[in-house]
Amino acid sequence: MADAKTKAMDGGQAKAPGDAAPGQQPIRSAGNQPAYFSCWDIHAYYGESYIVQGVSFDVREGEIVALLGRNGAGKTSTLRAIARVDDPSLKAGEVWLDHQPLHNMKAHQAARNGIGLVPEDRRIIAGLTVEENLKLAQIAPPIGWSIERVYDLFPRLGERRKQEGTTLSGGEQQMLAIGRTLARDVKLLLLDEPYEGLAPVIVHEIERTLEQIKALGMTTIIVEQNAIAALHLADRAIILDMGQVVFDGTAQDVLDSAELRQQYLAI
């Protein structure tokens, strides 16, 4: 198991952005397959707080990766840095998707190039119906799934298409947030805590939906505090601790290692 661990440290000290290795275009990932997504030595800050400290990993096309760690490990911050939102601020490193550099883009530009972020707070737009929220996602190209296809995936949304989005239950709002993202042409789906605050029966429903998305071969990174649920869905697991990668291996490796789960996930 020790061979699978990757410490993003230099002599025991976290690297500062000025010490970051020069970026290079990703060529291959594990297994010598071309890397579909890569982040290389990314460093990100909230103001003066140094949160993401030299994170690097690859994702192959069609792969689902669980990005795990304890509270405060830097999971959501890494996801947001990949999506190129303003906070945290990416100070160094490179982000590539389908051979396109995203690290100098704004969030809306990264979205046009295939990044689809489903944020933890869902951000359903008040005053708009379910269908209006979906249509708004398609107001500008590139357009992804049709609205009817979203309803096929989430029949409950079809039943509530005329209902104001913010009046839906938590699970239904999560469905709408995912459906709204799929209504765009998404190459990399980023899911931030999709099970957060949901009742167990609704968690199972969202899990079934994500299994369907997995069957479609959609490349996905999932951040989830419910690590066991995420590991059962994922092909690979990347564990962060103090803003650095401490493990990169298969999801089954983590499920099989009580020591690894206890040390970094407290489960």
Protein backbone atom coordinates (compact mmCIF):
# COMPACT_ATOMS: atom_id res chain seq x y z
CA MET A 1 0.00 0.00 0.00
CA ALA A 2 2.86 2.33 0.75
CA ASP A 3 3.92 2.22 -2.90
CA ALA A 4 0.56 3.68 -3.91
CA LYS A 5 0.95 6.72 -1.71
CA THR A 6 2.17 10.01 -3.17
CA LYS A 7 3.44 12.70 -0.84
CA ALA A 8 3.26 16.20 -2.34
CA MET A 9 6.04 17.44 -0.12
CA ASP A 10 9.68 18.42 -0.49
CA GLY A 11 11.91 17.62 2.47
CA GLY A 12 8.82 17.63 4.69
CA GLN A 13 7.93 21.21 3.80
CA ALA A 14 4.99 22.31 1.67
CA LYS A 15 6.10 23.92 -1.58
CA ALA A 16 5.32 27.59 -2.09
CA PRO A 17 3.94 28.69 -5.48
CA GLY A 18 7.25 30.22 -6.47
CA ASP A 19 8.88 26.81 -6.06
CA ALA A 20 6.38 25.01 -8.30
CA ALA A 21 7.88 22.98 -11.12
CA PRO A 22 7.26 24.43 -14.58
CA GLY A 23 4.02 23.11 -16.06
CA GLN A 24 4.08 20.78 -19.00
CA GLN A 25 1.34 19.49 -21.24
CA PRO A 26 0.11 16.14 -19.89
CA ILE A 27 0.99 13.19 -22.09
CA ARG A 28 0.04 10.05 -20.19
CA SER A 29 -1.64 8.90 -17.01
CA ALA A 30 -1.53 5.66 -15.05
CA GLY A 31 -1.43 2.63 -17.32
CA ASN A 32 0.22 4.65 -20.11
CA GLN A 33 -3.17 5.75 -21.42
CA PRO A 34 -3.53 9.34 -22.65
CA ALA A 35 -4.63 11.63 -19.84
CA TYR A 36 -8.04 13.14 -20.55
CA PHE A 37 -7.88 15.49 -17.57
CA SER A 38 -4.80 16.60 -15.64
CA CYS A 39 -3.97 19.11 -12.97
CA TRP A 40 -0.27 19.74 -12.47
CA ASP A 41 1.18 21.13 -9.24
CA ILE A 42 -1.75 23.49 -8.56
CA HIS A 43 -1.54 25.97 -5.67
CA ALA A 44 -4.60 27.97 -4.58
CA TYR A 45 -5.39 30.52 -1.87
CA TYR A 46 -8.37 32.05 -0.12
CA GLY A 47 -6.89 35.48 0.53
CA GLU A 48 -3.70 34.77 2.46
CA SER A 49 -4.77 31.23 3.41
CA TYR A 50 -2.74 28.66 1.48
CA ILE A 51 -5.21 25.81 0.90
CA VAL A 52 -4.28 23.76 -2.18
CA GLN A 53 -0.58 22.99 -1.88
CA GLY A 54 0.80 21.40 -5.03
CA VAL A 55 -1.96 18.97 -6.00
CA SER A 56 -1.34 16.85 -9.12
CA PHE A 57 -3.37 14.00 -10.61
CA ASP A 58 -4.74 12.65 -13.89
CA VAL A 59 -8.14 11.26 -14.85
CA ARG A 60 -8.71 9.00 -17.83
CA GLU A 61 -11.74 9.47 -20.08
CA GLY A 62 -14.79 7.70 -18.70
CA GLU A 63 -13.22 7.26 -15.27
CA ILE A 64 -14.88 8.20 -11.98
CA VAL A 65 -12.50 9.49 -9.32
CA ALA A 66 -13.43 9.99 -5.67
CA LEU A 67 -11.55 12.96 -4.18
CA LEU A 68 -11.54 12.26 -0.45
CA GLY A 69 -10.15 13.53 2.84
CA ARG A 70 -11.14 14.82 6.25
CA ASN A 71 -12.94 18.12 6.72
CA GLY A 72 -10.57 20.94 5.80
CA ALA A 73 -8.29 18.72 3.68
CA GLY A 74 -8.80 20.90 0.60
CA LYS A 75 -11.23 18.74 -1.40
CA THR A 76 -13.80 21.39 -2.34
CA SER A 77 -11.07 23.98 -2.83
CA THR A 78 -9.32 21.70 -5.31
CA LEU A 79 -12.59 21.09 -7.15
CA ARG A 80 -13.28 24.83 -7.31
CA ALA A 81 -9.75 25.57 -8.52
CA ILE A 82 -10.25 23.05 -11.32
CA ALA A 83 -13.56 24.73 -12.24
CA ARG A 84 -11.72 28.09 -12.32
CA VAL A 85 -14.08 29.91 -9.98
CA ASP A 86 -12.71 33.07 -8.36
CA ASP A 87 -12.28 31.54 -4.88
CA PRO A 88 -9.86 30.01 -4.23
CA SER A 89 -7.44 31.93 -6.43
CA LEU A 90 -5.18 29.67 -8.50
CA LYS A 91 -1.67 31.09 -8.09
CA ALA A 92 0.42 28.42 -9.83
CA GLY A 93 0.10 25.18 -11.71
CA GLU A 94 -1.78 23.98 -14.78
CA VAL A 95 -5.21 22.46 -15.49
CA TRP A 96 -5.86 20.60 -18.76
CA LEU A 97 -9.01 19.00 -20.16
CA ASP A 98 -9.08 17.13 -23.46
CA HIS A 99 -5.72 18.74 -24.39
CA GLN A 100 -7.05 22.26 -23.75
CA PRO A 101 -5.39 24.46 -21.05
CA LEU A 102 -7.90 25.80 -18.54
CA HIS A 103 -5.59 27.38 -15.96
CA ASN A 104 -5.74 30.88 -17.48
CA MET A 105 -9.51 30.80 -18.02
CA LYS A 106 -12.38 32.24 -16.03
CA ALA A 107 -15.15 29.94 -14.80
CA HIS A 108 -17.50 30.71 -17.71
CA GLN A 109 -14.72 29.98 -20.21
CA ALA A 110 -13.88 26.69 -18.51
CA ALA A 111 -17.58 25.81 -18.61
CA ARG A 112 -17.67 26.45 -22.36
CA ASN A 113 -14.71 24.09 -22.67
CA GLY A 114 -16.47 21.24 -20.90
CA ILE A 115 -16.19 21.74 -17.13
CA GLY A 116 -19.50 21.06 -15.38
CA LEU A 117 -19.52 21.91 -11.66
CA VAL A 118 -22.44 20.87 -9.45
CA PRO A 119 -21.75 22.97 -6.32
CA GLU A 120 -22.55 21.84 -2.80
CA ASP A 121 -25.14 24.61 -2.33
CA ARG A 122 -26.82 23.69 -5.68
CA ARG A 123 -27.54 27.35 -6.54
CA ILE A 124 -31.05 26.84 -7.85
CA ILE A 125 -32.28 30.20 -9.17
CA ALA A 126 -35.16 31.59 -7.13
CA GLY A 127 -38.29 32.64 -8.97
CA LEU A 128 -37.73 30.21 -11.86
CA THR A 129 -39.49 26.91 -12.41
CA VAL A 130 -37.66 23.62 -12.82
CA GLU A 131 -37.95 23.89 -16.59
CA GLU A 132 -36.87 27.53 -16.63
CA ASN A 133 -33.74 26.62 -14.62
CA LEU A 134 -32.93 23.96 -17.23
CA LYS A 135 -33.65 26.24 -20.18
CA LEU A 136 -31.46 28.97 -18.71
CA ALA A 137 -28.52 26.54 -18.71
CA GLN A 138 -28.96 26.25 -22.48
CA ILE A 139 -29.24 29.95 -23.25
CA ALA A 140 -25.78 29.89 -24.85
CA PRO A 141 -23.84 27.08 -26.54
CA PRO A 142 -22.51 24.48 -26.17
CA ILE A 143 -25.75 22.63 -25.43
CA GLY A 144 -25.67 19.14 -23.98
CA TRP A 145 -28.58 16.92 -23.06
CA SER A 146 -32.07 17.87 -24.18
CA ILE A 147 -34.49 18.80 -21.42
CA GLU A 148 -36.56 15.71 -22.21
CA ARG A 149 -33.48 13.55 -21.73
CA VAL A 150 -32.92 15.16 -18.34
CA TYR A 151 -36.53 14.31 -17.48
CA ASP A 152 -35.92 10.72 -18.58
CA LEU A 153 -33.05 10.53 -16.09
CA PHE A 154 -35.03 12.35 -13.39
CA PRO A 155 -38.76 11.58 -13.90
CA ARG A 156 -39.57 13.51 -10.73
CA LEU A 157 -38.27 16.70 -12.34
CA GLY A 158 -40.56 16.10 -15.28
CA GLU A 159 -43.49 15.81 -12.89
CA ARG A 160 -42.51 19.11 -11.27
CA ARG A 161 -41.40 20.99 -14.36
CA LYS A 162 -43.76 23.93 -13.61
CA GLN A 163 -42.87 24.10 -9.91
CA GLU A 164 -40.50 26.79 -8.63
CA GLY A 165 -37.08 25.20 -8.27
CA THR A 166 -36.33 26.51 -4.78
CA THR A 167 -39.51 24.89 -3.41
CA LEU A 168 -38.35 21.38 -4.28
CA SER A 169 -37.11 18.99 -1.62
CA GLY A 170 -33.36 18.76 -1.02
CA GLY A 171 -33.07 15.59 -3.08
CA GLU A 172 -35.09 17.08 -5.93
CA GLN A 173 -32.94 20.21 -5.89
CA GLN A 174 -29.86 17.98 -6.16
CA MET A 175 -31.43 16.27 -9.17
CA LEU A 176 -32.12 19.66 -10.72
CA ALA A 177 -28.56 20.84 -10.09
CA ILE A 178 -27.16 17.73 -11.79
CA GLY A 179 -29.71 17.92 -14.63
CA ARG A 180 -28.95 21.60 -15.20
CA THR A 181 -25.25 20.78 -15.54
CA LEU A 182 -25.92 17.92 -17.97
CA ALA A 183 -27.98 20.33 -20.09
CA ARG A 184 -24.60 21.82 -21.02
CA ASP A 185 -22.05 19.94 -23.14
CA VAL A 186 -20.01 18.49 -20.27
CA LYS A 187 -16.69 16.69 -20.69
CA LEU A 188 -15.81 16.57 -16.96
CA LEU A 189 -18.54 16.43 -14.32
CA LEU A 190 -17.48 17.80 -10.92
CA LEU A 191 -19.80 16.80 -8.07
CA ASP A 192 -19.30 18.58 -4.74
CA GLU A 193 -20.96 16.72 -1.85
CA PRO A 194 -23.95 15.38 -3.83
CA TYR A 195 -25.28 13.48 -0.77
CA GLU A 196 -24.91 16.36 1.68
CA GLY A 197 -27.95 16.87 3.91
CA LEU A 198 -30.07 14.22 2.19
CA ALA A 199 -32.09 11.48 3.88
CA PRO A 200 -30.73 7.94 3.36
CA VAL A 201 -33.57 6.99 1.02
CA ILE A 202 -32.79 10.01 -1.18
CA VAL A 203 -29.06 9.24 -1.05
CA HIS A 204 -29.84 5.83 -2.55
CA GLU A 205 -31.85 7.51 -5.28
CA ILE A 206 -28.99 9.88 -6.13
CA GLU A 207 -26.60 6.91 -6.05
CA ARG A 208 -28.74 5.11 -8.64
CA THR A 209 -28.66 8.21 -10.80
CA LEU A 210 -24.87 8.45 -10.57
CA GLU A 211 -24.62 4.77 -11.48
CA GLN A 212 -26.57 5.57 -14.65
CA ILE A 213 -24.21 8.45 -15.40
CA LYS A 214 -21.28 6.10 -14.81
CA ALA A 215 -22.79 3.59 -17.25
CA LEU A 216 -22.87 6.37 -19.85
CA GLY A 217 -19.10 6.74 -19.50
CA MET A 218 -19.10 10.34 -18.26
CA THR A 219 -15.75 11.38 -16.78
CA THR A 220 -16.43 12.46 -13.19
CA ILE A 221 -14.68 13.71 -10.07
CA ILE A 222 -16.77 13.40 -6.93
CA VAL A 223 -16.02 15.09 -3.61
CA GLU A 224 -18.04 13.44 -0.88
CA GLN A 225 -17.79 13.23 2.90
CA ASN A 226 -19.68 9.92 2.70
CA ALA A 227 -16.47 8.24 1.57
CA ILE A 228 -17.79 4.68 1.48
CA ALA A 229 -20.64 5.63 -0.87
CA ALA A 230 -18.21 7.50 -3.13
CA LEU A 231 -15.72 4.61 -3.13
CA HIS A 232 -18.37 2.11 -4.19
CA LEU A 233 -19.17 4.36 -7.16
CA ALA A 234 -15.59 5.30 -8.12
CA ASP A 235 -12.89 3.57 -10.11
CA ARG A 236 -10.06 5.44 -8.38
CA ALA A 237 -9.55 7.35 -5.16
CA ILE A 238 -7.36 10.35 -4.45
CA ILE A 239 -6.97 11.31 -0.81
CA LEU A 240 -5.96 14.80 0.29
CA ASP A 241 -4.50 15.81 3.64
CA MET A 242 -3.56 19.41 4.47
CA GLY A 243 -4.02 20.41 0.83
CA GLN A 244 -1.67 17.74 -0.54
CA VAL A 245 -2.14 14.37 -2.24
CA VAL A 246 -1.27 11.52 0.14
CA PHE A 247 -2.81 8.64 -1.80
CA ASP A 248 -3.62 7.93 -5.46
CA GLY A 249 -4.82 4.42 -6.21
CA THR A 250 -7.87 2.29 -6.83
CA ALA A 251 -11.07 2.75 -4.88
CA GLN A 252 -10.84 -0.91 -3.89
CA ASP A 253 -7.41 -0.29 -2.33
CA VAL A 254 -9.03 2.15 0.08
CA LEU A 255 -12.00 -0.10 0.80
CA ASP A 256 -9.58 -2.93 1.59
CA SER A 257 -7.31 -0.90 3.89
CA ALA A 258 -8.72 -0.16 7.34
CA GLU A 259 -5.43 1.54 8.23
CA LEU A 260 -5.63 3.94 5.30
CA ARG A 261 -9.28 4.78 5.98
CA GLN A 262 -8.63 5.39 9.67
CA GLN A 263 -5.52 7.51 9.09
CA TYR A 264 -6.94 9.84 6.45
CA LEU A 265 -10.73 9.44 6.47
CA ALA A 266 -11.49 8.57 10.10
CA ILE A 267 -13.74 5.67 9.06
